[in-house]
Amino acid sequence: MGCGCLLVLLGSAFPRVALFLTWIFTSRVDLAFDGFLLPLAGFVFLPYTTLFYVFAYAPNAGVSTFGWILVAFGVLLDLGNWFGSGRAGSRRAWRAQQVS
C-alpha cells in the first residue's frame, strides 16, 4: 500500500470510503477476516472499528496491544457517531417545535 497517509486522512472523515478503497485495492481486508459477511457488516454498522481492525491486523502476529487500543477507539467513534446523530436530530426537532 503506497499511499497509507492519504488513506488514513481519508478514513478520518470518510471511513466507509477508505474501507472500500482498502478492500478493492489491497488484500488487507481479506487477510484480517476469513469470510465476507463480517467485514460487510462492519462496513455497514461499525466502519471505524472495522477500518482500524484492518489497519492493526498483522498476518503472523494478529493484533497487538496498541492495535486493540486503536480498535477500542474505533468502537468509541462508532458509538459517538450512532448516538450523536440521534441527539442532534432530537435537538433539531425541538428547535423546529419552538419556532412554529
N, C-alpha and C. Protein backbone atom coordinates (compact mmCIF):
# COMPACT_ATOMS: atom_id res chain seq x y z
N MET A 1 0.86 -1.16 0.00
CA MET A 1 0.00 0.00 0.00
C MET A 1 0.90 1.22 0.00
N GLY A 2 0.94 1.93 -1.10
CA GLY A 2 1.89 3.00 -1.28
C GLY A 2 1.52 4.32 -0.65
N CYS A 3 0.26 4.64 -0.53
CA CYS A 3 -0.13 5.96 0.00
C CYS A 3 -0.97 5.79 1.26
N GLY A 4 -0.35 5.25 2.29
CA GLY A 4 -1.04 4.96 3.54
C GLY A 4 -1.50 6.22 4.26
N CYS A 5 -0.70 7.29 4.22
CA CYS A 5 -1.08 8.53 4.92
C CYS A 5 -2.34 9.12 4.31
N LEU A 6 -2.43 9.08 3.00
CA LEU A 6 -3.63 9.60 2.34
C LEU A 6 -4.85 8.78 2.71
N LEU A 7 -4.68 7.47 2.83
CA LEU A 7 -5.79 6.61 3.20
C LEU A 7 -6.23 6.85 4.65
N VAL A 8 -5.29 7.12 5.54
CA VAL A 8 -5.64 7.41 6.93
C VAL A 8 -6.37 8.74 7.03
N LEU A 9 -5.92 9.75 6.29
CA LEU A 9 -6.61 11.04 6.28
C LEU A 9 -8.02 10.90 5.71
N LEU A 10 -8.17 10.12 4.67
CA LEU A 10 -9.49 9.87 4.10
C LEU A 10 -10.36 9.10 5.08
N GLY A 11 -9.77 8.16 5.80
CA GLY A 11 -10.52 7.36 6.76
C GLY A 11 -10.99 8.15 7.96
N SER A 12 -10.29 9.22 8.31
CA SER A 12 -10.72 10.01 9.45
C SER A 12 -12.02 10.75 9.17
N ALA A 13 -12.26 11.10 7.95
CA ALA A 13 -13.50 11.81 7.60
C ALA A 13 -14.54 10.87 6.96
N PHE A 14 -14.08 9.96 6.16
CA PHE A 14 -14.99 9.07 5.43
C PHE A 14 -14.53 7.62 5.59
N PRO A 15 -14.85 6.99 6.71
CA PRO A 15 -14.31 5.65 6.95
C PRO A 15 -14.82 4.60 5.97
N ARG A 16 -16.04 4.74 5.50
CA ARG A 16 -16.57 3.74 4.55
C ARG A 16 -15.85 3.83 3.21
N VAL A 17 -15.53 5.04 2.78
CA VAL A 17 -14.80 5.19 1.52
C VAL A 17 -13.39 4.61 1.65
N ALA A 18 -12.73 4.89 2.78
CA ALA A 18 -11.38 4.36 2.99
C ALA A 18 -11.40 2.84 3.09
N LEU A 19 -12.41 2.29 3.78
CA LEU A 19 -12.51 0.84 3.89
C LEU A 19 -12.81 0.21 2.54
N PHE A 20 -13.67 0.83 1.76
CA PHE A 20 -13.98 0.32 0.42
C PHE A 20 -12.73 0.33 -0.47
N LEU A 21 -11.97 1.43 -0.45
CA LEU A 21 -10.76 1.50 -1.26
C LEU A 21 -9.72 0.49 -0.80
N THR A 22 -9.62 0.29 0.52
CA THR A 22 -8.71 -0.72 1.04
C THR A 22 -9.13 -2.11 0.61
N TRP A 23 -10.42 -2.36 0.62
CA TRP A 23 -10.95 -3.67 0.23
C TRP A 23 -10.71 -3.94 -1.25
N ILE A 24 -10.89 -2.92 -2.08
CA ILE A 24 -10.75 -3.10 -3.53
C ILE A 24 -9.29 -3.21 -3.96
N PHE A 25 -8.43 -2.32 -3.45
CA PHE A 25 -7.07 -2.21 -3.98
C PHE A 25 -6.00 -2.96 -3.20
N THR A 26 -6.33 -3.48 -2.02
CA THR A 26 -5.33 -4.25 -1.26
C THR A 26 -5.96 -5.57 -0.80
N SER A 27 -5.14 -6.40 -0.20
CA SER A 27 -5.64 -7.67 0.33
C SER A 27 -5.73 -7.64 1.86
N ARG A 28 -5.64 -6.45 2.47
CA ARG A 28 -5.63 -6.35 3.93
C ARG A 28 -6.94 -6.81 4.55
N VAL A 29 -8.07 -6.51 3.93
CA VAL A 29 -9.36 -6.95 4.48
C VAL A 29 -9.48 -8.46 4.41
N ASP A 30 -9.01 -9.04 3.32
CA ASP A 30 -9.04 -10.50 3.19
C ASP A 30 -8.11 -11.18 4.18
N LEU A 31 -7.00 -10.53 4.50
CA LEU A 31 -6.08 -11.09 5.49
C LEU A 31 -6.64 -10.99 6.90
N ALA A 32 -7.34 -9.89 7.19
CA ALA A 32 -7.84 -9.66 8.55
C ALA A 32 -9.08 -10.49 8.86
N PHE A 33 -9.89 -10.77 7.86
CA PHE A 33 -11.14 -11.52 8.07
C PHE A 33 -11.14 -12.77 7.21
N ASP A 34 -11.77 -13.82 7.72
CA ASP A 34 -11.84 -15.07 6.97
C ASP A 34 -12.93 -15.07 5.92
N GLY A 35 -14.09 -14.53 6.25
CA GLY A 35 -15.21 -14.59 5.33
C GLY A 35 -15.55 -13.23 4.73
N PHE A 36 -16.77 -13.14 4.24
CA PHE A 36 -17.24 -11.94 3.57
C PHE A 36 -18.27 -11.18 4.41
N LEU A 37 -19.04 -11.90 5.23
CA LEU A 37 -20.16 -11.27 5.94
C LEU A 37 -19.71 -10.36 7.07
N LEU A 38 -18.71 -10.75 7.83
CA LEU A 38 -18.28 -9.92 8.96
C LEU A 38 -17.70 -8.57 8.51
N PRO A 39 -16.83 -8.53 7.51
CA PRO A 39 -16.38 -7.20 7.07
C PRO A 39 -17.50 -6.39 6.41
N LEU A 40 -18.45 -7.05 5.78
CA LEU A 40 -19.57 -6.33 5.19
C LEU A 40 -20.46 -5.73 6.28
N ALA A 41 -20.71 -6.49 7.35
CA ALA A 41 -21.48 -5.96 8.47
C ALA A 41 -20.73 -4.82 9.15
N GLY A 42 -19.41 -4.96 9.26
CA GLY A 42 -18.61 -3.88 9.80
C GLY A 42 -18.63 -2.65 8.93
N PHE A 43 -18.65 -2.85 7.62
CA PHE A 43 -18.72 -1.73 6.68
C PHE A 43 -20.02 -0.96 6.87
N VAL A 44 -21.11 -1.66 7.12
CA VAL A 44 -22.41 -1.02 7.25
C VAL A 44 -22.61 -0.42 8.64
N PHE A 45 -22.30 -1.16 9.70
CA PHE A 45 -22.67 -0.76 11.04
C PHE A 45 -21.53 -0.13 11.85
N LEU A 46 -20.31 -0.62 11.71
CA LEU A 46 -19.17 -0.14 12.51
C LEU A 46 -17.97 0.16 11.61
N PRO A 47 -18.04 1.19 10.79
CA PRO A 47 -16.96 1.40 9.82
C PRO A 47 -15.62 1.78 10.45
N TYR A 48 -15.61 2.61 11.50
CA TYR A 48 -14.34 2.97 12.13
C TYR A 48 -13.69 1.75 12.77
N THR A 49 -14.46 0.96 13.47
CA THR A 49 -13.93 -0.22 14.14
C THR A 49 -13.34 -1.20 13.12
N THR A 50 -14.06 -1.43 12.05
CA THR A 50 -13.59 -2.36 11.01
C THR A 50 -12.33 -1.83 10.34
N LEU A 51 -12.32 -0.54 10.04
CA LEU A 51 -11.14 0.06 9.39
C LEU A 51 -9.92 -0.01 10.30
N PHE A 52 -10.09 0.29 11.58
CA PHE A 52 -8.95 0.24 12.50
C PHE A 52 -8.49 -1.20 12.72
N TYR A 53 -9.41 -2.14 12.73
CA TYR A 53 -9.02 -3.55 12.86
C TYR A 53 -8.21 -3.99 11.65
N VAL A 54 -8.63 -3.59 10.47
CA VAL A 54 -7.91 -3.95 9.25
C VAL A 54 -6.51 -3.34 9.27
N PHE A 55 -6.39 -2.08 9.72
CA PHE A 55 -5.07 -1.45 9.78
C PHE A 55 -4.19 -2.09 10.85
N ALA A 56 -4.77 -2.55 11.96
CA ALA A 56 -4.00 -3.07 13.08
C ALA A 56 -3.63 -4.54 12.93
N TYR A 57 -4.28 -5.25 12.03
CA TYR A 57 -4.07 -6.69 11.91
C TYR A 57 -2.74 -6.98 11.20
N ALA A 58 -1.96 -7.86 11.79
CA ALA A 58 -0.72 -8.36 11.17
C ALA A 58 -0.92 -9.85 10.91
N PRO A 59 -0.63 -10.33 9.70
CA PRO A 59 -0.92 -11.72 9.36
C PRO A 59 -0.27 -12.77 10.27
N ASN A 60 0.94 -12.55 10.70
CA ASN A 60 1.62 -13.56 11.53
C ASN A 60 1.33 -13.41 13.01
N ALA A 61 1.13 -12.18 13.48
CA ALA A 61 1.02 -11.94 14.91
C ALA A 61 -0.39 -11.60 15.37
N GLY A 62 -1.31 -11.35 14.48
CA GLY A 62 -2.65 -10.92 14.87
C GLY A 62 -2.67 -9.44 15.19
N VAL A 63 -3.38 -9.07 16.24
CA VAL A 63 -3.48 -7.66 16.63
C VAL A 63 -2.71 -7.47 17.92
N SER A 64 -1.84 -6.48 17.95
CA SER A 64 -1.03 -6.19 19.14
C SER A 64 -1.86 -5.41 20.15
N THR A 65 -1.24 -5.10 21.28
CA THR A 65 -1.93 -4.34 22.32
C THR A 65 -2.30 -2.95 21.82
N PHE A 66 -1.37 -2.29 21.16
CA PHE A 66 -1.66 -0.97 20.60
C PHE A 66 -2.76 -1.06 19.54
N GLY A 67 -2.77 -2.15 18.79
CA GLY A 67 -3.83 -2.35 17.80
C GLY A 67 -5.20 -2.46 18.45
N TRP A 68 -5.27 -3.17 19.59
CA TRP A 68 -6.55 -3.27 20.29
C TRP A 68 -6.99 -1.93 20.86
N ILE A 69 -6.03 -1.10 21.24
CA ILE A 69 -6.38 0.25 21.69
C ILE A 69 -6.97 1.05 20.53
N LEU A 70 -6.40 0.90 19.33
CA LEU A 70 -6.96 1.57 18.15
C LEU A 70 -8.37 1.05 17.84
N VAL A 71 -8.56 -0.25 17.96
CA VAL A 71 -9.89 -0.82 17.69
C VAL A 71 -10.90 -0.32 18.73
N ALA A 72 -10.48 -0.22 19.99
CA ALA A 72 -11.38 0.32 21.03
C ALA A 72 -11.71 1.78 20.74
N PHE A 73 -10.74 2.54 20.25
CA PHE A 73 -11.01 3.93 19.86
C PHE A 73 -12.00 3.97 18.70
N GLY A 74 -11.89 3.03 17.77
CA GLY A 74 -12.84 2.94 16.68
C GLY A 74 -14.25 2.64 17.17
N VAL A 75 -14.36 1.78 18.19
CA VAL A 75 -15.67 1.49 18.78
C VAL A 75 -16.26 2.77 19.38
N LEU A 76 -15.43 3.53 20.09
CA LEU A 76 -15.91 4.79 20.67
C LEU A 76 -16.35 5.78 19.59
N LEU A 77 -15.60 5.86 18.50
CA LEU A 77 -16.01 6.74 17.40
C LEU A 77 -17.32 6.29 16.77
N ASP A 78 -17.49 4.98 16.60
CA ASP A 78 -18.74 4.47 16.03
C ASP A 78 -19.92 4.72 16.96
N LEU A 79 -19.72 4.50 18.27
CA LEU A 79 -20.80 4.76 19.22
C LEU A 79 -21.15 6.25 19.25
N GLY A 80 -20.14 7.09 19.20
CA GLY A 80 -20.40 8.53 19.14
C GLY A 80 -21.13 8.93 17.88
N ASN A 81 -20.81 8.27 16.79
CA ASN A 81 -21.49 8.54 15.53
C ASN A 81 -22.96 8.11 15.60
N TRP A 82 -23.21 6.94 16.18
CA TRP A 82 -24.58 6.44 16.28
C TRP A 82 -25.42 7.29 17.22
N PHE A 83 -24.91 7.53 18.43
CA PHE A 83 -25.72 8.21 19.43
C PHE A 83 -25.68 9.72 19.27
N GLY A 84 -24.62 10.26 18.72
CA GLY A 84 -24.55 11.70 18.49
C GLY A 84 -25.50 12.16 17.41
N SER A 85 -25.71 11.35 16.39
CA SER A 85 -26.63 11.74 15.32
C SER A 85 -28.07 11.73 15.82
N GLY A 86 -28.42 10.82 16.70
CA GLY A 86 -29.77 10.80 17.27
C GLY A 86 -30.02 12.00 18.16
N ARG A 87 -29.01 12.38 18.91
CA ARG A 87 -29.14 13.54 19.79
C ARG A 87 -29.28 14.82 18.96
N ALA A 88 -28.51 14.95 17.89
CA ALA A 88 -28.62 16.13 17.03
C ALA A 88 -29.99 16.19 16.36
N GLY A 89 -30.52 15.04 15.98
CA GLY A 89 -31.85 15.01 15.38
C GLY A 89 -32.94 15.42 16.34
N SER A 90 -32.83 14.98 17.59
CA SER A 90 -33.85 15.37 18.57
C SER A 90 -33.72 16.86 18.90
N ARG A 91 -32.52 17.39 18.91
CA ARG A 91 -32.33 18.82 19.12
C ARG A 91 -32.94 19.64 17.98
N ARG A 92 -32.75 19.15 16.75
CA ARG A 92 -33.32 19.82 15.58
C ARG A 92 -34.84 19.82 15.65
N ALA A 93 -35.44 18.69 16.06
CA ALA A 93 -36.89 18.60 16.16
C ALA A 93 -37.42 19.53 17.26
N TRP A 94 -36.67 19.64 18.36
CA TRP A 94 -37.10 20.50 19.46
C TRP A 94 -37.07 21.96 19.02
N ARG A 95 -36.04 22.36 18.27
CA ARG A 95 -35.96 23.74 17.77
C ARG A 95 -37.07 24.02 16.77
N ALA A 96 -37.40 23.05 15.96
CA ALA A 96 -38.48 23.25 14.99
C ALA A 96 -39.82 23.44 15.68
N GLN A 97 -40.04 22.75 16.79
CA GLN A 97 -41.29 22.92 17.54
C GLN A 97 -41.33 24.29 18.20
N GLN A 98 -40.20 24.79 18.66
CA GLN A 98 -40.15 26.08 19.32
C GLN A 98 -40.40 27.24 18.35
N VAL A 99 -39.98 27.08 17.11
CA VAL A 99 -40.16 28.12 16.09
C VAL A 99 -41.60 28.20 15.63
N SER A 100 -42.27 27.04 15.49
CA SER A 100 -43.65 27.06 14.96
C SER A 100 -44.67 27.36 15.97
